[in-house]
């Protein structure tokens, strides 16, 4: 399959199989002893039981015994994550936005405009590739193992921005507060867009924190919002890795965006700052490996998540140290354009980034 990238046509690799959500780290960590989902999962994956039980016995995220627990930030973060489950969408707001749709304006353009007005910083649309949909549910016991049937053809994907200053304190508690704040915003935007599309008479499902039926980073890449970095997180133009993702799948006809290059693949191959600064060396410092038929850098998710539990936060060092994650201003955007179009200067730019910001991460 060929898709158009800016300045060139490249072949975009697709995975050769779907991922089962039950195999994701977050799903594994919610399994509880002496429950049917726990017994089933580890009877079919016995090699993971010992390491998972060890991590499960560590203090949970945001617990007072975490290294970077902060009574203010941590508790506010917990309230935000909990509030995601009870988001209420005001019908008056939905009706206000529905009125914007007319025969004279592109439906896709109106949806994008609404997403930006609601707080997203970038929006893209693409077709829904089956291989990016989870094969089975795994995050909650009540629907554990249910096969995911998602017949929607299209998806609108958007990004929200994590505050640069708060991310500079990674891995302290202010980073997980910022994560919670933006994941809440992403959930609110996705559920609002879902309600608008439903009001227009089409099917729609919002995908947000703990409620994903699809893997959002590759979908965002396909929708032209950035590239995957060495840290296996989306790297977006102007914002780097500081971008939680939200999405809505739908049968509403949409105009598709093309994948783009921001120069991240070439720069990450040279940079390695995220891997060098990862406290548990969870990120690969070597070349790419084949994962489900795709060449990508790998992540040791057990090492990564176990550190989250010890810190009591979601760390964030790999996002904060990334040169693409610098502030969204004229100077850094100029550098981003050089990286994008003139990769011959990558070594020089990395040298000056090390000089100005340091090669080793320092908590600000």
Protein backbone atom coordinates (compact mmCIF):
# COMPACT_ATOMS: atom_id res chain seq x y z
CA UNK A 1 0.00 0.00 0.00
CA UNK A 2 1.39 3.42 -0.95
CA UNK A 3 0.55 6.63 0.83
CA UNK A 4 1.82 10.10 0.02
CA UNK A 5 4.27 11.73 2.42
CA UNK A 6 5.36 15.32 2.11
CA UNK A 7 7.95 15.61 -0.67
CA UNK A 8 7.95 11.90 -1.49
CA UNK A 9 5.97 8.66 -1.75
CA UNK A 10 6.88 5.90 0.67
CA UNK A 11 5.50 2.51 1.51
CA UNK A 12 3.86 2.56 4.94
CA UNK A 13 4.29 -0.73 6.75
CA UNK A 14 1.28 -2.30 8.41
CA UNK A 15 1.46 -4.92 11.17
CA UNK A 16 0.86 -8.51 10.19
CA UNK A 17 -1.53 -9.17 13.09
CA UNK A 18 -3.72 -7.45 15.65
CA UNK A 19 -2.77 -6.88 19.29
CA UNK A 20 -4.88 -8.42 22.05
CA UNK A 21 -5.58 -5.71 24.64
CA UNK A 22 -5.23 -8.35 27.35
CA UNK A 23 -1.51 -8.46 26.54
CA UNK A 24 -0.93 -4.75 27.15
CA UNK A 25 0.83 -3.72 30.36
CA UNK A 26 -2.08 -1.70 31.71
CA UNK A 27 -4.49 -4.59 31.17
CA UNK A 28 -2.12 -7.07 32.80
CA UNK A 29 -1.76 -4.84 35.85
CA UNK A 30 -5.51 -4.64 36.56
CA UNK A 31 -5.84 -8.41 36.85
CA UNK A 32 -6.73 -9.36 40.43
CA UNK A 33 -5.82 -12.56 42.27
CA UNK A 34 -8.52 -15.22 42.56
CA UNK A 35 -10.63 -13.83 39.72
CA UNK A 36 -11.57 -15.63 36.52
CA UNK A 37 -9.74 -13.14 34.24
CA UNK A 38 -6.56 -13.50 36.34
CA UNK A 39 -6.71 -17.31 36.29
CA UNK A 40 -7.46 -17.40 32.57
CA UNK A 41 -4.76 -14.95 31.55
CA UNK A 42 -1.91 -16.56 33.45
CA UNK A 43 -2.99 -20.07 32.54
CA UNK A 44 -2.47 -19.06 28.91
CA UNK A 45 0.58 -16.84 29.63
CA UNK A 46 2.43 -18.60 32.48
CA UNK A 47 5.79 -17.03 31.63
CA UNK A 48 4.44 -13.57 32.59
CA UNK A 49 2.94 -14.51 35.96
CA UNK A 50 6.01 -14.18 38.18
CA UNK A 51 7.17 -10.82 36.84
CA UNK A 52 3.63 -9.42 36.74
CA UNK A 53 2.91 -10.49 40.32
CA UNK A 54 6.15 -8.80 41.41
CA UNK A 55 5.17 -5.50 39.76
CA UNK A 56 1.60 -5.81 41.05
CA UNK A 57 2.95 -5.98 44.60
CA UNK A 58 4.66 -2.61 44.22
CA UNK A 59 2.74 0.47 45.47
CA UNK A 60 0.12 1.61 42.91
CA UNK A 61 0.51 4.84 40.98
CA UNK A 62 -0.18 8.00 43.04
CA UNK A 63 0.26 6.09 46.32
CA UNK A 64 1.77 8.06 49.24
CA UNK A 65 4.72 5.65 49.40
CA UNK A 66 5.83 6.53 45.86
CA UNK A 67 9.20 8.28 45.66
CA UNK A 68 7.75 11.44 44.12
CA UNK A 69 4.38 11.50 45.84
CA UNK A 70 3.08 15.02 46.42
CA UNK A 71 -0.08 15.49 48.45
CA UNK A 72 -1.34 18.26 46.16
CA UNK A 73 -0.32 17.16 42.65
CA UNK A 74 -0.85 13.44 43.22
CA UNK A 75 -4.29 13.82 44.75
CA UNK A 76 -5.41 16.25 42.05
CA UNK A 77 -4.17 13.83 39.42
CA UNK A 78 -6.13 10.98 41.01
CA UNK A 79 -9.29 13.08 41.02
CA UNK A 80 -8.85 13.88 37.32
CA UNK A 81 -8.30 10.25 36.32
CA UNK A 82 -11.35 9.22 38.36
CA UNK A 83 -13.43 12.02 36.80
CA UNK A 84 -12.85 10.63 33.30
CA UNK A 85 -15.35 7.87 34.09
CA UNK A 86 -18.14 10.34 34.81
CA UNK A 87 -17.72 12.98 32.10
CA UNK A 88 -21.02 14.65 31.24
CA UNK A 89 -21.61 16.20 27.82
CA UNK A 90 -24.06 19.11 27.79
CA UNK A 91 -26.63 18.73 25.00
CA UNK A 92 -26.76 22.51 24.60
CA UNK A 93 -23.09 22.51 23.61
CA UNK A 94 -23.69 19.64 21.18
CA UNK A 95 -26.65 21.44 19.59
CA UNK A 96 -24.57 24.61 19.22
CA UNK A 97 -21.90 22.76 17.25
CA UNK A 98 -24.37 20.73 15.17
CA UNK A 99 -25.68 24.01 13.74
CA UNK A 100 -22.26 24.62 12.15
CA UNK A 101 -22.76 21.76 9.69
CA UNK A 102 -24.22 22.97 6.41
CA UNK A 103 -24.15 21.75 2.83
CA UNK A 104 -21.84 24.63 1.92
CA UNK A 105 -18.96 23.61 4.22
CA UNK A 106 -16.91 20.41 4.29
CA UNK A 107 -18.01 18.18 7.16
CA UNK A 108 -14.38 17.23 7.82
CA UNK A 109 -13.32 20.88 8.04
CA UNK A 110 -16.12 21.65 10.49
CA UNK A 111 -15.21 18.68 12.70
CA UNK A 112 -11.56 19.73 12.73
CA UNK A 113 -12.51 23.30 13.57
CA UNK A 114 -14.65 22.07 16.47
CA UNK A 115 -11.85 19.82 17.77
CA UNK A 116 -9.45 22.78 17.78
CA UNK A 117 -12.01 25.02 19.46
CA UNK A 118 -12.50 22.37 22.15
CA UNK A 119 -8.78 22.41 22.94
CA UNK A 120 -6.87 20.10 20.62
CA UNK A 121 -3.69 21.39 18.97
CA UNK A 122 -3.71 19.19 15.86
CA UNK A 123 -6.35 17.07 14.09
CA UNK A 124 -6.22 14.50 11.30
CA UNK A 125 -8.54 12.04 9.61
CA UNK A 126 -7.84 8.65 8.08
CA UNK A 127 -9.41 5.31 7.24
CA UNK A 128 -9.63 2.73 10.03
CA UNK A 129 -7.09 -0.01 9.40
CA UNK A 130 -8.21 -3.32 10.94
CA UNK A 131 -4.70 -4.24 12.12
CA UNK A 132 -4.70 -1.19 14.42
CA UNK A 133 -7.85 -2.39 16.22
CA UNK A 134 -7.37 -4.54 19.34
CA UNK A 135 -8.59 -8.08 18.79
CA UNK A 136 -10.13 -8.54 22.28
CA UNK A 137 -11.07 -6.43 25.28
CA UNK A 138 -8.75 -6.57 28.28
CA UNK A 139 -8.88 -3.46 30.43
CA UNK A 140 -11.89 -4.34 32.60
CA UNK A 141 -13.05 -7.60 34.16
CA UNK A 142 -16.66 -7.11 33.07
CA UNK A 143 -15.84 -7.44 29.35
CA UNK A 144 -12.55 -9.32 29.57
CA UNK A 145 -11.91 -11.39 26.46
CA UNK A 146 -14.82 -10.02 24.44
CA UNK A 147 -13.98 -9.88 20.75
CA UNK A 148 -13.87 -6.32 19.47
CA UNK A 149 -16.11 -5.68 16.49
CA UNK A 150 -15.58 -2.22 15.07
CA UNK A 151 -17.15 -1.79 11.65
CA UNK A 152 -16.45 1.92 11.28
CA UNK A 153 -14.53 2.94 8.18
CA UNK A 154 -13.12 6.25 9.40
CA UNK A 155 -11.40 7.85 12.36
CA UNK A 156 -10.77 11.43 13.44
CA UNK A 157 -7.63 11.70 15.58
CA UNK A 158 -6.51 14.70 17.61
CA UNK A 159 -3.70 15.76 19.95
CA UNK A 160 -3.70 17.77 23.17
CA UNK A 161 -0.56 19.44 24.48
CA UNK A 162 1.13 18.78 27.81
CA UNK A 163 2.53 21.93 29.38
CA UNK A 164 6.25 22.28 28.64
CA UNK A 165 7.15 23.72 32.06
CA UNK A 166 5.42 20.98 34.03
CA UNK A 167 7.05 18.30 31.89
CA UNK A 168 10.47 19.76 32.72
CA UNK A 169 10.01 18.51 36.29
CA UNK A 170 9.81 14.86 35.17
CA UNK A 171 9.59 12.44 36.91
CA UNK A 172 8.08 14.47 39.78
CA UNK A 173 4.37 14.48 40.60
CA UNK A 174 3.64 17.60 38.56
CA UNK A 175 4.18 15.48 35.43
CA UNK A 176 1.46 12.97 36.31
CA UNK A 177 -0.84 15.84 37.24
CA UNK A 178 -0.25 17.28 33.76
CA UNK A 179 -0.84 13.84 32.22
CA UNK A 180 -4.11 13.47 34.10
CA UNK A 181 -5.20 16.97 33.12
CA UNK A 182 -4.59 16.39 29.41
CA UNK A 183 -5.99 12.84 29.33
CA UNK A 184 -9.12 14.26 30.92
CA UNK A 185 -9.22 16.97 28.22
CA UNK A 186 -8.73 14.36 25.49
CA UNK A 187 -11.60 12.30 26.92
CA UNK A 188 -13.85 15.36 27.06
CA UNK A 189 -13.05 16.31 23.46
CA UNK A 190 -13.53 12.78 22.13
CA UNK A 191 -16.85 12.30 23.93
CA UNK A 192 -18.06 15.70 22.71
CA UNK A 193 -17.15 14.86 19.10
CA UNK A 194 -18.86 11.49 19.54
CA UNK A 195 -22.06 13.19 20.73
CA UNK A 196 -21.97 15.64 17.80
CA UNK A 197 -21.56 12.89 15.20
CA UNK A 198 -24.34 10.83 16.80
CA UNK A 199 -26.58 13.90 16.68
CA UNK A 200 -25.82 14.18 12.96
CA UNK A 201 -27.30 10.69 12.53
CA UNK A 202 -24.11 8.64 12.15
CA UNK A 203 -22.44 6.01 14.32
CA UNK A 204 -19.52 7.09 16.52
CA UNK A 205 -17.39 5.70 19.35
CA UNK A 206 -15.03 7.83 21.45
CA UNK A 207 -11.63 6.36 22.32
CA UNK A 208 -9.90 7.79 25.38
CA UNK A 209 -7.90 6.84 28.48
CA UNK A 210 -8.63 3.21 29.50
CA UNK A 211 -11.32 3.04 26.79
CA UNK A 212 -9.37 2.38 23.61
CA UNK A 213 -10.52 -0.15 21.03
CA UNK A 214 -7.56 0.72 18.82
CA UNK A 215 -3.87 1.58 19.14
CA UNK A 216 -3.75 5.33 18.69
CA UNK A 217 -0.07 6.20 17.94
CA UNK A 218 0.07 4.41 14.55
CA UNK A 219 -3.39 5.74 13.69
CA UNK A 220 -2.13 9.26 14.43
CA UNK A 221 0.86 8.61 12.16
CA UNK A 222 -1.46 7.46 9.38
CA UNK A 223 -3.59 10.59 9.90
CA UNK A 224 -0.59 12.86 9.32
CA UNK A 225 0.01 13.98 12.91
CA UNK A 226 3.65 12.89 13.27
CA UNK A 227 6.01 9.94 13.47
CA UNK A 228 6.82 7.30 16.07
CA UNK A 229 10.04 8.04 17.93
CA UNK A 230 12.63 5.82 19.56
CA UNK A 231 10.56 6.03 22.75
CA UNK A 232 7.59 4.50 20.86
CA UNK A 233 5.58 7.66 21.50
CA UNK A 234 4.18 9.87 18.78
CA UNK A 235 6.46 12.79 17.89
CA UNK A 236 4.31 15.63 16.59
CA UNK A 237 5.42 18.70 14.72
CA UNK A 238 5.80 21.69 17.12
CA UNK A 239 5.07 19.61 20.24
CA UNK A 240 7.29 16.54 20.12
CA UNK A 241 6.27 13.79 22.54
CA UNK A 242 4.13 16.06 24.76
CA UNK A 243 0.89 15.01 23.05
CA UNK A 244 -1.72 12.62 24.47
CA UNK A 245 -3.95 11.30 21.68
CA UNK A 246 -7.71 10.98 21.45
CA UNK A 247 -9.92 9.65 18.65
CA UNK A 248 -13.43 8.96 17.45
CA UNK A 249 -14.23 6.17 15.01
CA UNK A 250 -17.28 6.64 12.82
CA UNK A 251 -19.12 5.77 9.61
CA UNK A 252 -19.44 9.49 8.87
CA UNK A 253 -17.67 10.14 5.53
CA UNK A 254 -14.40 12.02 6.10
CA UNK A 255 -11.68 13.49 3.90
CA UNK A 256 -8.38 11.74 4.62
CA UNK A 257 -5.06 13.33 5.51
CA UNK A 258 -1.74 11.93 4.33
CA UNK A 259 1.10 10.77 6.57
CA UNK A 260 3.92 13.28 6.97
CA UNK A 261 7.57 13.21 7.86
CA UNK A 262 8.80 15.51 10.63
CA UNK A 263 12.33 14.11 10.33
CA UNK A 264 11.99 12.17 13.56
CA UNK A 265 12.94 8.75 12.21
CA UNK A 266 16.34 9.96 10.98
CA UNK A 267 16.98 12.17 14.01
CA UNK A 268 16.01 9.49 16.56
CA UNK A 269 18.43 7.09 14.90
CA UNK A 270 21.21 9.52 15.75
CA UNK A 271 19.99 11.15 18.97
CA UNK A 272 19.26 8.34 21.49
CA UNK A 273 18.68 10.81 24.35
CA UNK A 274 15.51 9.09 25.53
CA UNK A 275 17.25 5.70 25.67
CA UNK A 276 20.38 7.10 27.33
CA UNK A 277 18.35 8.87 30.02
CA UNK A 278 15.78 6.14 30.71
CA UNK A 279 16.43 5.17 34.39
CA UNK A 280 15.68 1.48 33.75
CA UNK A 281 17.12 1.28 30.23
CA UNK A 282 13.69 0.23 28.98
CA UNK A 283 14.24 1.92 25.61
CA UNK A 284 16.41 0.38 22.92
CA UNK A 285 19.70 2.17 22.29
CA UNK A 286 20.38 -0.11 19.31
CA UNK A 287 18.76 -0.42 15.91
CA UNK A 288 15.20 -1.37 15.10
CA UNK A 289 13.73 -4.87 15.39
CA UNK A 290 10.84 -6.57 13.65
CA UNK A 291 7.69 -6.42 15.79
CA UNK A 292 4.56 -7.93 14.21
CA UNK A 293 6.19 -7.42 10.84
CA UNK A 294 7.10 -3.75 11.43
CA UNK A 295 10.63 -2.45 11.89
CA UNK A 296 10.61 -0.35 15.06
CA UNK A 297 12.57 0.41 18.22
CA UNK A 298 11.48 -1.78 21.10
CA UNK A 299 10.48 -0.94 24.68
CA UNK A 300 10.81 -3.19 27.72
CA UNK A 301 7.36 -2.40 29.12
CA UNK A 302 7.95 -4.30 32.38
CA UNK A 303 11.02 -2.19 33.20
CA UNK A 304 9.20 0.99 32.27
CA UNK A 305 6.03 0.35 34.24
CA UNK A 306 7.77 -1.01 37.34
CA UNK A 307 9.58 2.34 37.61
CA UNK A 308 6.24 4.14 37.39
CA UNK A 309 5.08 2.18 40.41
CA UNK A 310 8.23 2.98 42.37
CA UNK A 311 8.09 6.67 41.49
CA UNK A 312 4.32 6.91 41.95
CA UNK A 313 4.20 8.91 38.71
CA UNK A 314 4.28 8.15 35.00
CA UNK A 315 7.93 9.27 34.85
CA UNK A 316 7.90 11.29 31.58
CA UNK A 317 11.68 11.63 31.27
CA UNK A 318 11.73 10.21 27.74
CA UNK A 319 9.17 12.81 26.66
CA UNK A 320 10.78 15.74 28.45
CA UNK A 321 14.35 15.04 27.25
CA UNK A 322 13.34 14.67 23.60
CA UNK A 323 14.71 17.56 21.49
CA UNK A 324 11.43 17.63 19.55
CA UNK A 325 9.61 18.42 22.82
CA UNK A 326 11.12 21.86 23.27
CA UNK A 327 8.80 24.85 23.42
CA UNK A 328 6.55 25.69 20.50
CA UNK A 329 8.14 28.99 19.50
CA UNK A 330 9.70 30.52 16.36
CA UNK A 331 13.24 29.46 17.25
CA UNK A 332 12.52 25.79 17.91
CA UNK A 333 10.07 25.60 15.00
CA UNK A 334 12.85 26.86 12.72
CA UNK A 335 15.14 24.10 14.03
CA UNK A 336 12.35 21.57 13.46
CA UNK A 337 12.11 22.66 9.82
CA UNK A 338 15.86 22.19 9.38
CA UNK A 339 15.59 18.68 10.86
CA UNK A 340 12.64 17.97 8.57
CA UNK A 341 14.10 19.18 5.29
CA UNK A 342 17.91 19.25 5.82
CA UNK A 343 18.90 16.11 7.74
CA UNK A 344 22.52 16.70 6.76
CA UNK A 345 22.66 19.13 9.72
CA UNK A 346 21.31 16.65 12.31
CA UNK A 347 24.70 15.99 13.92
CA UNK A 348 25.40 19.69 14.30
CA UNK A 349 21.93 20.36 15.71
CA UNK A 350 22.27 17.50 18.19
CA UNK A 351 25.67 18.87 19.30
CA UNK A 352 24.14 22.28 20.07
CA UNK A 353 21.12 20.69 21.75
CA UNK A 354 23.50 18.83 24.06
CA UNK A 355 25.39 22.07 24.65
CA UNK A 356 22.30 24.13 25.48
CA UNK A 357 20.13 21.58 27.26
CA UNK A 358 22.60 18.90 28.31
CA UNK A 359 23.02 15.31 27.21
CA UNK A 360 21.95 14.02 30.63
CA UNK A 361 18.50 14.79 32.01
CA UNK A 362 18.33 17.26 34.88
CA UNK A 363 15.06 17.80 36.76
CA UNK A 364 14.10 21.44 36.44
